[in-house]
């Protein structure tokens, strides 16, 4: 089965190991490599996938993996049922 697109975005942006477990309830602050540079990388990776810019409100709403999933779904880039 193909890797979840949200998990793939996080793994690419934050250079996470495969054993780093992520669920929709995972808060970004719980991810070890999530620092200020990680936040910038994450935003850039999401914008690359969306081929669109994120507003400041959208960026600030990204507190968990589930929030990112909802954001991508709202932008039509992801089915909510993952």
N, C-alpha and C. Protein backbone atom coordinates (compact mmCIF):
# COMPACT_ATOMS: atom_id res chain seq x y z
N UNK A 1 0.84 -1.19 0.00
CA UNK A 1 0.00 0.00 0.00
C UNK A 1 0.88 1.25 0.00
N UNK A 2 0.50 2.24 -0.74
CA UNK A 2 1.27 3.48 -0.83
C UNK A 2 1.23 4.22 0.50
N UNK A 3 2.30 4.92 0.79
CA UNK A 3 2.38 5.67 2.03
C UNK A 3 1.39 6.83 2.02
N UNK A 4 0.77 7.06 3.12
CA UNK A 4 -0.15 8.18 3.33
C UNK A 4 0.56 9.47 2.90
N UNK A 5 -0.10 10.29 2.09
CA UNK A 5 0.52 11.51 1.55
C UNK A 5 0.91 12.48 2.68
N UNK A 6 0.12 12.59 3.73
CA UNK A 6 0.46 13.49 4.83
C UNK A 6 1.71 13.00 5.55
N UNK A 7 1.77 11.70 5.80
CA UNK A 7 2.95 11.12 6.44
C UNK A 7 4.17 11.30 5.54
N UNK A 8 3.99 11.12 4.24
CA UNK A 8 5.10 11.30 3.29
C UNK A 8 5.60 12.74 3.31
N UNK A 9 4.68 13.70 3.37
CA UNK A 9 5.07 15.11 3.45
C UNK A 9 5.90 15.36 4.70
N UNK A 10 5.42 14.85 5.83
CA UNK A 10 6.15 15.05 7.09
C UNK A 10 7.51 14.37 7.06
N UNK A 11 7.56 13.14 6.55
CA UNK A 11 8.84 12.42 6.49
C UNK A 11 9.84 13.15 5.59
N UNK A 12 9.37 13.64 4.45
CA UNK A 12 10.26 14.36 3.53
C UNK A 12 10.73 15.69 4.13
N UNK A 13 9.81 16.45 4.66
CA UNK A 13 10.14 17.79 5.17
C UNK A 13 11.03 17.73 6.40
N UNK A 14 10.76 16.76 7.27
CA UNK A 14 11.46 16.72 8.56
C UNK A 14 12.52 15.63 8.62
N UNK A 15 12.72 14.94 7.50
CA UNK A 15 13.73 13.88 7.40
C UNK A 15 13.56 12.87 8.54
N UNK A 16 12.32 12.36 8.68
CA UNK A 16 11.99 11.43 9.76
C UNK A 16 12.35 10.00 9.37
N UNK A 17 12.77 9.24 10.35
CA UNK A 17 13.05 7.82 10.16
C UNK A 17 11.73 7.06 10.01
N UNK A 18 11.78 5.90 9.39
CA UNK A 18 10.58 5.09 9.20
C UNK A 18 9.96 4.65 10.52
N UNK A 19 10.75 4.54 11.57
CA UNK A 19 10.22 4.08 12.84
C UNK A 19 9.57 5.19 13.67
N UNK A 20 9.51 6.38 13.15
CA UNK A 20 8.85 7.50 13.83
C UNK A 20 7.35 7.38 13.56
N UNK A 21 6.61 6.92 14.57
CA UNK A 21 5.17 6.67 14.42
C UNK A 21 4.41 8.00 14.41
N UNK A 22 3.53 8.14 13.42
CA UNK A 22 2.71 9.33 13.29
C UNK A 22 1.25 8.93 13.15
N UNK A 23 0.37 9.61 13.87
CA UNK A 23 -1.06 9.40 13.73
C UNK A 23 -1.70 10.77 13.62
N UNK A 24 -2.98 10.82 13.32
CA UNK A 24 -3.66 12.10 13.23
C UNK A 24 -3.61 12.87 14.55
N UNK A 25 -3.48 12.16 15.65
CA UNK A 25 -3.43 12.81 16.96
C UNK A 25 -2.04 13.33 17.31
N UNK A 26 -1.02 12.97 16.53
CA UNK A 26 0.34 13.42 16.81
C UNK A 26 0.42 14.93 16.64
N UNK A 27 0.80 15.60 17.72
CA UNK A 27 0.99 17.05 17.66
C UNK A 27 2.38 17.31 17.10
N UNK A 28 2.49 18.34 16.27
CA UNK A 28 3.78 18.63 15.63
C UNK A 28 4.87 18.89 16.65
N UNK A 29 4.53 19.48 17.77
CA UNK A 29 5.53 19.77 18.80
C UNK A 29 6.10 18.49 19.43
N UNK A 30 5.44 17.35 19.23
CA UNK A 30 5.92 16.07 19.75
C UNK A 30 6.95 15.42 18.84
N UNK A 31 7.09 15.92 17.63
CA UNK A 31 8.03 15.34 16.67
C UNK A 31 9.41 15.93 16.95
N UNK A 32 10.38 15.06 17.23
CA UNK A 32 11.71 15.52 17.65
C UNK A 32 12.37 16.55 16.72
N UNK A 33 12.23 16.39 15.42
CA UNK A 33 12.92 17.31 14.50
C UNK A 33 12.09 18.55 14.15
N UNK A 34 10.96 18.75 14.83
CA UNK A 34 10.13 19.92 14.56
C UNK A 34 10.64 21.10 15.37
N UNK A 35 11.42 21.92 14.70
CA UNK A 35 11.90 23.17 15.28
C UNK A 35 11.54 24.27 14.29
N UNK A 36 12.08 25.45 14.44
CA UNK A 36 11.71 26.55 13.54
C UNK A 36 12.07 26.25 12.09
N UNK A 37 13.22 25.62 11.87
CA UNK A 37 13.61 25.25 10.51
C UNK A 37 12.69 24.14 9.98
N UNK A 38 12.33 23.22 10.84
CA UNK A 38 11.40 22.16 10.46
C UNK A 38 10.06 22.73 10.05
N UNK A 39 9.60 23.75 10.75
CA UNK A 39 8.33 24.39 10.40
C UNK A 39 8.40 24.99 9.00
N UNK A 40 9.50 25.66 8.70
CA UNK A 40 9.68 26.26 7.37
C UNK A 40 9.72 25.15 6.31
N UNK A 41 10.46 24.10 6.57
CA UNK A 41 10.54 22.99 5.61
C UNK A 41 9.17 22.35 5.38
N UNK A 42 8.40 22.20 6.46
CA UNK A 42 7.07 21.62 6.35
C UNK A 42 6.16 22.49 5.50
N UNK A 43 6.16 23.78 5.74
CA UNK A 43 5.33 24.70 4.96
C UNK A 43 5.76 24.64 3.48
N UNK A 44 7.04 24.65 3.23
CA UNK A 44 7.53 24.61 1.84
C UNK A 44 7.11 23.31 1.15
N UNK A 45 7.18 22.20 1.86
CA UNK A 45 6.80 20.91 1.28
C UNK A 45 5.30 20.85 1.00
N UNK A 46 4.50 21.35 1.92
CA UNK A 46 3.05 21.38 1.69
C UNK A 46 2.72 22.27 0.50
N UNK A 47 3.35 23.44 0.43
CA UNK A 47 3.11 24.34 -0.71
C UNK A 47 3.54 23.70 -2.02
N UNK A 48 4.61 22.93 -2.00
CA UNK A 48 5.07 22.23 -3.21
C UNK A 48 4.02 21.20 -3.64
N UNK A 49 3.52 20.43 -2.68
CA UNK A 49 2.52 19.40 -2.99
C UNK A 49 1.22 20.04 -3.48
N UNK A 50 0.81 21.12 -2.83
CA UNK A 50 -0.43 21.80 -3.20
C UNK A 50 -0.29 22.61 -4.49
N UNK A 51 0.95 22.97 -4.81
CA UNK A 51 1.21 23.92 -5.90
C UNK A 51 0.43 25.20 -5.65
N UNK A 52 0.48 25.64 -4.41
CA UNK A 52 -0.27 26.82 -3.96
C UNK A 52 0.39 27.33 -2.68
N UNK A 53 0.13 28.59 -2.38
CA UNK A 53 0.68 29.20 -1.17
C UNK A 53 -0.29 28.99 -0.01
N UNK A 54 0.24 28.89 1.20
CA UNK A 54 -0.58 28.81 2.41
C UNK A 54 -0.70 30.19 3.02
N UNK A 55 -1.88 30.48 3.55
CA UNK A 55 -2.06 31.75 4.27
C UNK A 55 -1.46 31.59 5.67
N UNK A 56 -1.24 32.72 6.34
CA UNK A 56 -0.71 32.68 7.69
C UNK A 56 -1.67 31.93 8.62
N UNK A 57 -2.98 32.12 8.44
CA UNK A 57 -3.96 31.40 9.26
C UNK A 57 -3.85 29.89 9.06
N UNK A 58 -3.65 29.46 7.81
CA UNK A 58 -3.50 28.03 7.53
C UNK A 58 -2.23 27.49 8.18
N UNK A 59 -1.16 28.24 8.10
CA UNK A 59 0.10 27.80 8.71
C UNK A 59 -0.06 27.69 10.22
N UNK A 60 -0.69 28.67 10.82
CA UNK A 60 -0.87 28.66 12.28
C UNK A 60 -1.82 27.57 12.75
N UNK A 61 -2.70 27.09 11.86
CA UNK A 61 -3.65 26.05 12.24
C UNK A 61 -3.02 24.66 12.25
N UNK A 62 -1.82 24.54 11.73
CA UNK A 62 -1.18 23.23 11.64
C UNK A 62 -0.54 22.85 12.98
N UNK A 63 -1.35 22.28 13.84
CA UNK A 63 -0.87 21.88 15.16
C UNK A 63 -0.68 20.37 15.28
N UNK A 64 -1.31 19.61 14.37
CA UNK A 64 -1.22 18.16 14.44
C UNK A 64 -1.25 17.58 13.04
N UNK A 65 -0.94 16.30 12.96
CA UNK A 65 -1.00 15.59 11.68
C UNK A 65 -2.43 15.67 11.14
N UNK A 66 -3.42 15.53 12.01
CA UNK A 66 -4.82 15.61 11.60
C UNK A 66 -5.18 16.97 11.03
N UNK A 67 -4.63 18.05 11.61
CA UNK A 67 -4.87 19.40 11.07
C UNK A 67 -4.32 19.53 9.65
N UNK A 68 -3.15 18.95 9.41
CA UNK A 68 -2.56 19.00 8.07
C UNK A 68 -3.43 18.21 7.10
N UNK A 69 -3.91 17.05 7.55
CA UNK A 69 -4.79 16.23 6.71
C UNK A 69 -6.05 17.02 6.33
N UNK A 70 -6.65 17.70 7.31
CA UNK A 70 -7.85 18.50 7.05
C UNK A 70 -7.56 19.65 6.09
N UNK A 71 -6.41 20.28 6.25
CA UNK A 71 -6.01 21.37 5.37
C UNK A 71 -5.90 20.89 3.92
N UNK A 72 -5.21 19.76 3.72
CA UNK A 72 -5.06 19.23 2.37
C UNK A 72 -6.41 18.80 1.80
N UNK A 73 -7.27 18.23 2.62
CA UNK A 73 -8.60 17.83 2.17
C UNK A 73 -9.42 19.05 1.75
N UNK A 74 -9.34 20.12 2.54
CA UNK A 74 -10.09 21.34 2.24
C UNK A 74 -9.61 21.97 0.93
N UNK A 75 -8.34 21.77 0.61
CA UNK A 75 -7.78 22.32 -0.63
C UNK A 75 -7.98 21.35 -1.82
N UNK A 76 -8.66 20.23 -1.56
CA UNK A 76 -8.95 19.29 -2.63
C UNK A 76 -7.80 18.42 -3.04
N UNK A 77 -6.77 18.30 -2.19
CA UNK A 77 -5.58 17.51 -2.53
C UNK A 77 -5.56 16.15 -1.86
N UNK A 78 -6.63 15.84 -1.12
CA UNK A 78 -6.59 14.62 -0.33
C UNK A 78 -8.01 14.24 0.05
N UNK A 79 -8.27 12.97 0.01
CA UNK A 79 -9.54 12.46 0.51
C UNK A 79 -9.41 12.38 2.03
N UNK A 80 -10.44 12.74 2.77
CA UNK A 80 -10.38 12.73 4.23
C UNK A 80 -10.27 11.33 4.76
N UNK A 81 -10.75 10.34 4.05
CA UNK A 81 -10.73 8.97 4.52
C UNK A 81 -9.39 8.30 4.24
N UNK A 82 -8.45 8.47 5.17
CA UNK A 82 -7.14 7.83 5.04
C UNK A 82 -6.89 6.94 6.22
